[in-house]
């Protein structure tokens, strides 16, 4: 298979769908503390009710990239819908059929 070099912005879009009020939201929460370094795995998921700051919604197949201390290489390929800390950038494919 031949790979074509492209800019990330040609394939991905940053998701900025924020939740400020989440007393009615029942979704898994992912914070930086839940993403393992260098492994693309979660150690666990948190409870959204335990965190009072803003959150970002994500969907299955989104890429979650920890932007606070990026040298820790905390990245997760979402397998479910949920919300995450705003210290995590959510990236979504512009072409989901190829994701």
PDB file of N, CA and C in Angstrom:
ATOM      1  N   UNK A   1       0.845  -1.184   0.000  1.00  0.00           N
ATOM      2  CA  UNK A   1       0.000   0.000   0.000  1.00  0.00           C
ATOM      3  C   UNK A   1       0.886   1.241   0.000  1.00  0.00           C
ATOM      4  N   UNK A   2       0.606   2.156  -0.891  1.00  0.00           N
ATOM      5  CA  UNK A   2       1.344   3.413  -0.948  1.00  0.00           C
ATOM      6  C   UNK A   2       0.688   4.427  -0.025  1.00  0.00           C
ATOM      7  N   UNK A   3       1.516   5.069   0.800  1.00  0.00           N
ATOM      8  CA  UNK A   3       1.022   6.083   1.728  1.00  0.00           C
ATOM      9  C   UNK A   3       1.280   7.454   1.136  1.00  0.00           C
ATOM     10  N   UNK A   4       0.332   8.331   1.298  1.00  0.00           N
ATOM     11  CA  UNK A   4       0.450   9.703   0.818  1.00  0.00           C
ATOM     12  C   UNK A   4       0.628  10.609   2.028  1.00  0.00           C
ATOM     13  N   UNK A   5       1.635  11.460   1.997  1.00  0.00           N
ATOM     14  CA  UNK A   5       1.870  12.394   3.096  1.00  0.00           C
ATOM     15  C   UNK A   5       0.897  13.566   2.968  1.00  0.00           C
ATOM     16  N   UNK A   6       0.186  13.845   4.075  1.00  0.00           N
ATOM     17  CA  UNK A   6      -0.768  14.961   4.104  1.00  0.00           C
ATOM     18  C   UNK A   6      -0.624  15.699   5.427  1.00  0.00           C
ATOM     19  N   UNK A   7      -1.186  16.875   5.504  1.00  0.00           N
ATOM     20  CA  UNK A   7      -1.267  17.597   6.769  1.00  0.00           C
ATOM     21  C   UNK A   7      -2.386  16.996   7.607  1.00  0.00           C
ATOM     22  N   UNK A   8      -2.209  16.961   8.917  1.00  0.00           N
ATOM     23  CA  UNK A   8      -3.266  16.447   9.792  1.00  0.00           C
ATOM     24  C   UNK A   8      -4.568  17.209   9.590  1.00  0.00           C
ATOM     25  N   UNK A   9      -4.469  18.497   9.331  1.00  0.00           N
ATOM     26  CA  UNK A   9      -5.680  19.311   9.153  1.00  0.00           C
ATOM     27  C   UNK A   9      -6.475  18.911   7.907  1.00  0.00           C
ATOM     28  N   UNK A  10      -5.853  18.183   6.984  1.00  0.00           N
ATOM     29  CA  UNK A  10      -6.580  17.691   5.812  1.00  0.00           C
ATOM     30  C   UNK A  10      -7.419  16.459   6.147  1.00  0.00           C
ATOM     31  N   UNK A  11      -7.065  15.755   7.214  1.00  0.00           N
ATOM     32  CA  UNK A  11      -7.753  14.508   7.564  1.00  0.00           C
ATOM     33  C   UNK A  11      -8.583  14.604   8.838  1.00  0.00           C
ATOM     34  N   UNK A  12      -8.211  15.545   9.724  1.00  0.00           N
ATOM     35  CA  UNK A  12      -8.850  15.618  11.040  1.00  0.00           C
ATOM     36  C   UNK A  12      -9.382  17.012  11.323  1.00  0.00           C
ATOM     37  N   UNK A  13     -10.400  17.065  12.176  1.00  0.00           N
ATOM     38  CA  UNK A  13     -10.937  18.332  12.654  1.00  0.00           C
ATOM     39  C   UNK A  13     -10.931  18.287  14.182  1.00  0.00           C
ATOM     40  N   UNK A  14     -10.608  19.421  14.806  1.00  0.00           N
ATOM     41  CA  UNK A  14     -10.641  19.491  16.266  1.00  0.00           C
ATOM     42  C   UNK A  14     -12.079  19.702  16.729  1.00  0.00           C
ATOM     43  N   UNK A  15     -12.518  18.876  17.661  1.00  0.00           N
ATOM     44  CA  UNK A  15     -13.872  18.963  18.214  1.00  0.00           C
ATOM     45  C   UNK A  15     -13.837  19.911  19.408  1.00  0.00           C
ATOM     46  N   UNK A  16     -14.730  20.889  19.415  1.00  0.00           N
ATOM     47  CA  UNK A  16     -14.791  21.851  20.525  1.00  0.00           C
ATOM     48  C   UNK A  16     -16.191  21.913  21.120  1.00  0.00           C
ATOM     49  N   UNK A  17     -16.890  20.807  21.081  1.00  0.00           N
ATOM     50  CA  UNK A  17     -18.254  20.712  21.606  1.00  0.00           C
ATOM     51  C   UNK A  17     -18.170  20.569  23.127  1.00  0.00           C
ATOM     52  N   UNK A  18     -18.369  21.680  23.848  1.00  0.00           N
ATOM     53  CA  UNK A  18     -18.165  21.720  25.294  1.00  0.00           C
ATOM     54  C   UNK A  18     -19.464  21.538  26.067  1.00  0.00           C
ATOM     55  N   UNK A  19     -19.327  20.968  27.245  1.00  0.00           N
ATOM     56  CA  UNK A  19     -20.446  20.843  28.187  1.00  0.00           C
ATOM     57  C   UNK A  19     -20.077  21.632  29.431  1.00  0.00           C
ATOM     58  N   UNK A  20     -20.926  22.550  29.818  1.00  0.00           N
ATOM     59  CA  UNK A  20     -20.706  23.325  31.040  1.00  0.00           C
ATOM     60  C   UNK A  20     -21.613  22.834  32.164  1.00  0.00           C
ATOM     61  N   UNK A  21     -22.798  22.416  31.814  1.00  0.00           N
ATOM     62  CA  UNK A  21     -23.764  21.910  32.797  1.00  0.00           C
ATOM     63  C   UNK A  21     -23.962  20.432  32.518  1.00  0.00           C
ATOM     64  N   UNK A  22     -23.630  19.585  33.483  1.00  0.00           N
ATOM     65  CA  UNK A  22     -23.713  18.156  33.230  1.00  0.00           C
ATOM     66  C   UNK A  22     -24.411  17.382  34.323  1.00  0.00           C
ATOM     67  N   UNK A  23     -25.303  18.023  35.045  1.00  0.00           N
ATOM     68  CA  UNK A  23     -26.049  17.294  36.069  1.00  0.00           C
ATOM     69  C   UNK A  23     -26.977  16.261  35.446  1.00  0.00           C
ATOM     70  N   UNK A  24     -27.388  16.494  34.189  1.00  0.00           N
ATOM     71  CA  UNK A  24     -28.284  15.565  33.496  1.00  0.00           C
ATOM     72  C   UNK A  24     -27.531  14.582  32.593  1.00  0.00           C
ATOM     73  N   UNK A  25     -26.223  14.769  32.447  1.00  0.00           N
ATOM     74  CA  UNK A  25     -25.441  13.936  31.536  1.00  0.00           C
ATOM     75  C   UNK A  25     -24.983  12.663  32.243  1.00  0.00           C
ATOM     76  N   UNK A  26     -25.209  11.530  31.602  1.00  0.00           N
ATOM     77  CA  UNK A  26     -24.742  10.250  32.139  1.00  0.00           C
ATOM     78  C   UNK A  26     -23.848   9.620  31.069  1.00  0.00           C
ATOM     79  N   UNK A  27     -22.578  10.016  31.073  1.00  0.00           N
ATOM     80  CA  UNK A  27     -21.599   9.513  30.119  1.00  0.00           C
ATOM     81  C   UNK A  27     -20.295   9.230  30.856  1.00  0.00           C
ATOM     82  N   UNK A  28     -19.472   8.323  30.329  1.00  0.00           N
ATOM     83  CA  UNK A  28     -18.160   8.102  30.927  1.00  0.00           C
ATOM     84  C   UNK A  28     -17.304   9.365  30.802  1.00  0.00           C
ATOM     85  N   UNK A  29     -16.428   9.577  31.778  1.00  0.00           N
ATOM     86  CA  UNK A  29     -15.525  10.724  31.787  1.00  0.00           C
ATOM     87  C   UNK A  29     -14.086  10.228  31.701  1.00  0.00           C
ATOM     88  N   UNK A  30     -13.302  10.858  30.825  1.00  0.00           N
ATOM     89  CA  UNK A  30     -11.882  10.545  30.718  1.00  0.00           C
ATOM     90  C   UNK A  30     -11.084  11.800  31.028  1.00  0.00           C
ATOM     91  N   UNK A  31     -10.223  11.708  32.027  1.00  0.00           N
ATOM     92  CA  UNK A  31      -9.273  12.760  32.350  1.00  0.00           C
ATOM     93  C   UNK A  31      -7.880  12.288  31.979  1.00  0.00           C
ATOM     94  N   UNK A  32      -6.907  13.179  32.031  1.00  0.00           N
ATOM     95  CA  UNK A  32      -5.536  12.776  31.716  1.00  0.00           C
ATOM     96  C   UNK A  32      -5.063  11.633  32.602  1.00  0.00           C
ATOM     97  N   UNK A  33      -5.543  11.612  33.832  1.00  0.00           N
ATOM     98  CA  UNK A  33      -5.130  10.564  34.768  1.00  0.00           C
ATOM     99  C   UNK A  33      -5.632   9.181  34.366  1.00  0.00           C
ATOM    100  N   UNK A  34      -6.581   9.120  33.455  1.00  0.00           N
ATOM    101  CA  UNK A  34      -7.150   7.835  33.025  1.00  0.00           C
ATOM    102  C   UNK A  34      -6.450   7.246  31.797  1.00  0.00           C
ATOM    103  N   UNK A  35      -5.634   8.059  31.109  1.00  0.00           N
ATOM    104  CA  UNK A  35      -4.941   7.592  29.903  1.00  0.00           C
ATOM    105  C   UNK A  35      -3.517   7.201  30.279  1.00  0.00           C
ATOM    106  N   UNK A  36      -3.141   5.965  29.953  1.00  0.00           N
ATOM    107  CA  UNK A  36      -1.795   5.483  30.253  1.00  0.00           C
ATOM    108  C   UNK A  36      -0.791   6.082  29.269  1.00  0.00           C
ATOM    109  N   UNK A  37       0.428   6.301  29.749  1.00  0.00           N
ATOM    110  CA  UNK A  37       1.493   6.825  28.892  1.00  0.00           C
ATOM    111  C   UNK A  37       1.940   5.756  27.895  1.00  0.00           C
ATOM    112  N   UNK A  38       2.220   6.180  26.680  1.00  0.00           N
ATOM    113  CA  UNK A  38       2.836   5.332  25.648  1.00  0.00           C
ATOM    114  C   UNK A  38       2.088   4.044  25.326  1.00  0.00           C
ATOM    115  N   UNK A  39       0.788   3.947  25.609  1.00  0.00           N
ATOM    116  CA  UNK A  39       0.144   2.640  25.428  1.00  0.00           C
ATOM    117  C   UNK A  39      -1.165   2.666  24.641  1.00  0.00           C
ATOM    118  N   UNK A  40      -1.758   3.832  24.426  1.00  0.00           N
ATOM    119  CA  UNK A  40      -3.071   3.953  23.775  1.00  0.00           C
ATOM    120  C   UNK A  40      -4.165   3.259  24.571  1.00  0.00           C
ATOM    121  N   UNK A  41      -3.966   3.086  25.885  1.00  0.00           N
ATOM    122  CA  UNK A  41      -4.940   2.389  26.730  1.00  0.00           C
ATOM    123  C   UNK A  41      -5.433   3.288  27.858  1.00  0.00           C
ATOM    124  N   UNK A  42      -6.622   2.949  28.345  1.00  0.00           N
ATOM    125  CA  UNK A  42      -7.172   3.604  29.533  1.00  0.00           C
ATOM    126  C   UNK A  42      -6.884   2.743  30.749  1.00  0.00           C
ATOM    127  N   UNK A  43      -6.578   3.382  31.866  1.00  0.00           N
ATOM    128  CA  UNK A  43      -6.440   2.645  33.123  1.00  0.00           C
ATOM    129  C   UNK A  43      -7.813   2.437  33.746  1.00  0.00           C
ATOM    130  N   UNK A  44      -8.699   3.404  33.539  1.00  0.00           N
ATOM    131  CA  UNK A  44     -10.075   3.357  34.040  1.00  0.00           C
ATOM    132  C   UNK A  44     -10.819   4.547  33.448  1.00  0.00           C
ATOM    133  N   UNK A  45     -12.092   4.672  33.746  1.00  0.00           N
ATOM    134  CA  UNK A  45     -12.853   5.873  33.400  1.00  0.00           C
ATOM    135  C   UNK A  45     -13.388   6.471  34.689  1.00  0.00           C
ATOM    136  N   UNK A  46     -13.625   7.773  34.659  1.00  0.00           N
ATOM    137  CA  UNK A  46     -14.107   8.457  35.841  1.00  0.00           C
ATOM    138  C   UNK A  46     -15.602   8.719  35.793  1.00  0.00           C
ATOM    139  N   UNK A  47     -16.072   9.332  36.855  1.00  0.00           N
ATOM    140  CA  UNK A  47     -17.480   9.706  36.989  1.00  0.00           C
ATOM    141  C   UNK A  47     -17.598  11.199  36.727  1.00  0.00           C
ATOM    142  N   UNK A  48     -18.399  11.569  35.770  1.00  0.00           N
ATOM    143  CA  UNK A  48     -18.561  12.974  35.388  1.00  0.00           C
ATOM    144  C   UNK A  48     -19.037  13.831  36.561  1.00  0.00           C
ATOM    145  N   UNK A  49     -19.765  13.259  37.473  1.00  0.00           N
ATOM    146  CA  UNK A  49     -20.298  14.018  38.606  1.00  0.00           C
ATOM    147  C   UNK A  49     -19.208  14.419  39.606  1.00  0.00           C
ATOM    148  N   UNK A  50     -18.016  13.795  39.517  1.00  0.00           N
ATOM    149  CA  UNK A  50     -16.921  14.111  40.432  1.00  0.00           C
ATOM    150  C   UNK A  50     -16.098  15.315  39.984  1.00  0.00           C
ATOM    151  N   UNK A  51     -16.358  15.831  38.783  1.00  0.00           N
ATOM    152  CA  UNK A  51     -15.550  16.908  38.218  1.00  0.00           C
ATOM    153  C   UNK A  51     -16.451  18.096  37.905  1.00  0.00           C
ATOM    154  N   UNK A  52     -16.038  19.298  38.327  1.00  0.00           N
ATOM    155  CA  UNK A  52     -16.911  20.464  38.162  1.00  0.00           C
ATOM    156  C   UNK A  52     -16.524  21.370  36.992  1.00  0.00           C
ATOM    157  N   UNK A  53     -15.374  21.139  36.370  1.00  0.00           N
ATOM    158  CA  UNK A  53     -14.939  22.007  35.272  1.00  0.00           C
ATOM    159  C   UNK A  53     -15.606  21.616  33.951  1.00  0.00           C
ATOM    160  N   UNK A  54     -15.408  22.461  32.927  1.00  0.00           N
ATOM    161  CA  UNK A  54     -15.961  22.176  31.597  1.00  0.00           C
ATOM    162  C   UNK A  54     -15.420  20.855  31.065  1.00  0.00           C
ATOM    163  N   UNK A  55     -16.166  20.260  30.144  1.00  0.00           N
ATOM    164  CA  UNK A  55     -15.783  19.003  29.501  1.00  0.00           C
ATOM    165  C   UNK A  55     -15.950  19.152  27.994  1.00  0.00           C
ATOM    166  N   UNK A  56     -15.317  18.259  27.253  1.00  0.00           N
ATOM    167  CA  UNK A  56     -15.485  18.185  25.807  1.00  0.00           C
ATOM    168  C   UNK A  56     -16.122  16.846  25.465  1.00  0.00           C
ATOM    169  N   UNK A  57     -17.155  16.882  24.628  1.00  0.00           N
ATOM    170  CA  UNK A  57     -17.783  15.638  24.181  1.00  0.00           C
ATOM    171  C   UNK A  57     -16.884  14.954  23.156  1.00  0.00           C
ATOM    172  N   UNK A  58     -16.864  13.623  23.181  1.00  0.00           N
ATOM    173  CA  UNK A  58     -16.195  12.856  22.136  1.00  0.00           C
ATOM    174  C   UNK A  58     -17.078  11.685  21.734  1.00  0.00           C
ATOM    175  N   UNK A  59     -16.800  11.144  20.546  1.00  0.00           N
ATOM    176  CA  UNK A  59     -17.554  10.005  20.014  1.00  0.00           C
ATOM    177  C   UNK A  59     -16.608   8.837  19.772  1.00  0.00           C
ATOM    178  N   UNK A  60     -17.196   7.677  19.547  1.00  0.00           N
ATOM    179  CA  UNK A  60     -16.414   6.504  19.173  1.00  0.00           C
ATOM    180  C   UNK A  60     -15.606   6.820  17.913  1.00  0.00           C
ATOM    181  N   UNK A  61     -14.375   6.359  17.873  1.00  0.00           N
ATOM    182  CA  UNK A  61     -13.419   6.557  16.771  1.00  0.00           C
ATOM    183  C   UNK A  61     -12.731   7.913  16.788  1.00  0.00           C
ATOM    184  N   UNK A  62     -13.016   8.770  17.763  1.00  0.00           N
ATOM    185  CA  UNK A  62     -12.266  10.015  17.911  1.00  0.00           C
ATOM    186  C   UNK A  62     -10.902   9.702  18.524  1.00  0.00           C
ATOM    187  N   UNK A  63      -9.951  10.585  18.277  1.00  0.00           N
ATOM    188  CA  UNK A  63      -8.626  10.480  18.878  1.00  0.00           C
ATOM    189  C   UNK A  63      -8.567  11.485  20.016  1.00  0.00           C
ATOM    190  N   UNK A  64      -8.206  11.022  21.215  1.00  0.00           N
ATOM    191  CA  UNK A  64      -8.056  11.894  22.374  1.00  0.00           C
ATOM    192  C   UNK A  64      -6.564  12.059  22.624  1.00  0.00           C
ATOM    193  N   UNK A  65      -6.091  13.305  22.582  1.00  0.00           N
ATOM    194  CA  UNK A  65      -4.664  13.604  22.710  1.00  0.00           C
ATOM    195  C   UNK A  65      -4.437  14.528  23.897  1.00  0.00           C
ATOM    196  N   UNK A  66      -3.674  14.075  24.864  1.00  0.00           N
ATOM    197  CA  UNK A  66      -3.381  14.878  26.049  1.00  0.00           C
ATOM    198  C   UNK A  66      -2.447  16.025  25.709  1.00  0.00           C
ATOM    199  N   UNK A  67      -2.949  17.257  25.782  1.00  0.00           N
ATOM    200  CA  UNK A  67      -2.152  18.420  25.396  1.00  0.00           C
ATOM    201  C   UNK A  67      -1.383  19.035  26.561  1.00  0.00           C
ATOM    202  N   UNK A  68      -1.724  18.683  27.784  1.00  0.00           N
ATOM    203  CA  UNK A  68      -0.958  19.131  28.945  1.00  0.00           C
ATOM    204  C   UNK A  68       0.191  18.144  29.120  1.00  0.00           C
ATOM    205  N   UNK A  69       1.405  18.623  29.035  1.00  0.00           N
ATOM    206  CA  UNK A  69       2.602  17.779  29.068  1.00  0.00           C
ATOM    207  C   UNK A  69       2.560  16.708  27.966  1.00  0.00           C
ATOM    208  N   UNK A  70       2.540  17.132  26.704  1.00  0.00           N
ATOM    209  CA  UNK A  70       2.418  16.167  25.598  1.00  0.00           C
ATOM    210  C   UNK A  70       3.565  15.165  25.526  1.00  0.00           C
ATOM    211  N   UNK A  71       4.698  15.459  26.175  1.00  0.00           N
ATOM    212  CA  UNK A  71       5.819  14.512  26.173  1.00  0.00           C
ATOM    213  C   UNK A  71       5.474  13.217  26.905  1.00  0.00           C
ATOM    214  N   UNK A  72       4.364  13.191  27.663  1.00  0.00           N
ATOM    215  CA  UNK A  72       3.905  11.936  28.277  1.00  0.00           C
ATOM    216  C   UNK A  72       3.234  11.024  27.249  1.00  0.00           C
ATOM    217  N   UNK A  73       2.938  11.555  26.067  1.00  0.00           N
ATOM    218  CA  UNK A  73       2.342  10.780  24.967  1.00  0.00           C
ATOM    219  C   UNK A  73       1.093  10.022  25.413  1.00  0.00           C
ATOM    220  N   UNK A  74       0.159  10.767  25.975  1.00  0.00           N
ATOM    221  CA  UNK A  74      -1.116  10.186  26.407  1.00  0.00           C
ATOM    222  C   UNK A  74      -2.121  10.352  25.276  1.00  0.00           C
ATOM    223  N   UNK A  75      -2.399   9.247  24.598  1.00  0.00           N
ATOM    224  CA  UNK A  75      -3.291   9.230  23.442  1.00  0.00           C
ATOM    225  C   UNK A  75      -4.220   8.038  23.585  1.00  0.00           C
ATOM    226  N   UNK A  76      -5.489   8.246  23.231  1.00  0.00           N
ATOM    227  CA  UNK A  76      -6.467   7.155  23.285  1.00  0.00           C
ATOM    228  C   UNK A  76      -7.372   7.231  22.066  1.00  0.00           C
ATOM    229  N   UNK A  77      -7.604   6.092  21.434  1.00  0.00           N
ATOM    230  CA  UNK A  77      -8.538   5.983  20.312  1.00  0.00           C
ATOM    231  C   UNK A  77      -9.869   5.530  20.895  1.00  0.00           C
ATOM    232  N   UNK A  78     -10.835   6.441  20.949  1.00  0.00           N
ATOM    233  CA  UNK A  78     -12.093   6.196  21.673  1.00  0.00           C
ATOM    234  C   UNK A  78     -12.886   5.041  21.073  1.00  0.00           C
ATOM    235  N   UNK A  79     -13.374   4.188  21.957  1.00  0.00           N
ATOM    236  CA  UNK A  79     -14.201   3.044  21.566  1.00  0.00           C
ATOM    237  C   UNK A  79     -15.653   3.232  22.003  1.00  0.00           C
ATOM    238  N   UNK A  80     -15.956   4.400  22.572  1.00  0.00           N
ATOM    239  CA  UNK A  80     -17.298   4.700  23.074  1.00  0.00           C
ATOM    240  C   UNK A  80     -17.478   6.208  23.108  1.00  0.00           C
ATOM    241  N   UNK A  81     -18.706   6.659  23.332  1.00  0.00           N
ATOM    242  CA  UNK A  81     -18.992   8.088  23.483  1.00  0.00           C
ATOM    243  C   UNK A  81     -18.803   8.487  24.935  1.00  0.00           C
ATOM    244  N   UNK A  82     -18.417   9.738  25.152  1.00  0.00           N
ATOM    245  CA  UNK A  82     -18.255  10.222  26.508  1.00  0.00           C
ATOM    246  C   UNK A  82     -17.863  11.684  26.522  1.00  0.00           C
ATOM    247  N   UNK A  83     -17.314  12.106  27.651  1.00  0.00           N
ATOM    248  CA  UNK A  83     -16.786  13.456  27.803  1.00  0.00           C
ATOM    249  C   UNK A  83     -15.380  13.348  28.366  1.00  0.00           C
ATOM    250  N   UNK A  84     -14.570  14.360  28.067  1.00  0.00           N
ATOM    251  CA  UNK A  84     -13.199  14.340  28.565  1.00  0.00           C
ATOM    252  C   UNK A  84     -12.805  15.723  29.068  1.00  0.00           C
ATOM    253  N   UNK A  85     -11.712  15.743  29.780  1.00  0.00           N
ATOM    254  CA  UNK A  85     -11.139  16.974  30.296  1.00  0.00           C
ATOM    255  C   UNK A  85     -10.780  17.904  29.138  1.00  0.00           C
ATOM    256  N   UNK A  86     -10.798  19.209  29.387  1.00  0.00           N
ATOM    257  CA  UNK A  86     -10.396  20.161  28.348  1.00  0.00           C
ATOM    258  C   UNK A  86      -8.878  20.192  28.181  1.00  0.00           C
ATOM    259  N   UNK A  87      -8.128  19.442  29.007  1.00  0.00           N
ATOM    260  CA  UNK A  87      -6.689  19.256  28.815  1.00  0.00           C
ATOM    261  C   UNK A  87      -6.419  18.206  27.743  1.00  0.00           C
ATOM    262  N   UNK A  88      -7.486  17.668  27.187  1.00  0.00           N
ATOM    263  CA  UNK A  88      -7.398  16.658  26.135  1.00  0.00           C
ATOM    264  C   UNK A  88      -8.013  17.250  24.866  1.00  0.00           C
ATOM    265  N   UNK A  89      -7.275  17.193  23.770  1.00  0.00           N
ATOM    266  CA  UNK A  89      -7.792  17.640  22.479  1.00  0.00           C
ATOM    267  C   UNK A  89      -8.479  16.465  21.803  1.00  0.00           C
ATOM    268  N   UNK A  90      -9.683  16.707  21.314  1.00  0.00           N
ATOM    269  CA  UNK A  90     -10.449  15.672  20.615  1.00  0.00           C
ATOM    270  C   UNK A  90     -10.320  15.920  19.117  1.00  0.00           C
ATOM    271  N   UNK A  91      -9.841  14.908  18.400  1.00  0.00           N
ATOM    272  CA  UNK A  91      -9.673  14.989  16.953  1.00  0.00           C
ATOM    273  C   UNK A  91     -10.598  13.975  16.292  1.00  0.00           C
ATOM    274  N   UNK A  92     -11.279  14.411  15.245  1.00  0.00           N
ATOM    275  CA  UNK A  92     -12.250  13.553  14.558  1.00  0.00           C
ATOM    276  C   UNK A  92     -11.927  13.521  13.062  1.00  0.00           C
ATOM    277  N   UNK A  93     -12.065  12.365  12.467  1.00  0.00           N
ATOM    278  CA  UNK A  93     -11.814  12.194  11.038  1.00  0.00           C
ATOM    279  C   UNK A  93     -12.803  13.016  10.215  1.00  0.00           C
ATOM    280  N   UNK A  94     -12.291  13.678   9.187  1.00  0.00           N
ATOM    281  CA  UNK A  94     -13.167  14.389   8.256  1.00  0.00           C
ATOM    282  C   UNK A  94     -13.866  13.408   7.322  1.00  0.00           C
ATOM    283  N   UNK A  95     -13.329  12.200   7.227  1.00  0.00           N
ATOM    284  CA  UNK A  95     -13.898  11.174   6.359  1.00  0.00           C
ATOM    285  C   UNK A  95     -14.079   9.893   7.179  1.00  0.00           C
ATOM    286  N   UNK A  96     -15.180   9.783   7.936  1.00  0.00           N
ATOM    287  CA  UNK A  96     -15.356   8.646   8.848  1.00  0.00           C
ATOM    288  C   UNK A  96     -15.360   7.281   8.158  1.00  0.00           C
ATOM    289  N   UNK A  97     -15.670   7.220   6.874  1.00  0.00           N
ATOM    290  CA  UNK A  97     -15.671   5.936   6.171  1.00  0.00           C
ATOM    291  C   UNK A  97     -14.265   5.360   6.071  1.00  0.00           C
ATOM    292  N   UNK A  98     -13.249   6.223   6.100  1.00  0.00           N
ATOM    293  CA  UNK A  98     -11.860   5.764   6.015  1.00  0.00           C
ATOM    294  C   UNK A  98     -11.205   5.653   7.383  1.00  0.00           C
ATOM    295  N   UNK A  99     -11.926   5.999   8.432  1.00  0.00           N
ATOM    296  CA  UNK A  99     -11.335   5.988   9.780  1.00  0.00           C
ATOM    297  C   UNK A  99     -11.132   4.573  10.272  1.00  0.00           C
TER     298      UNK A  99
END
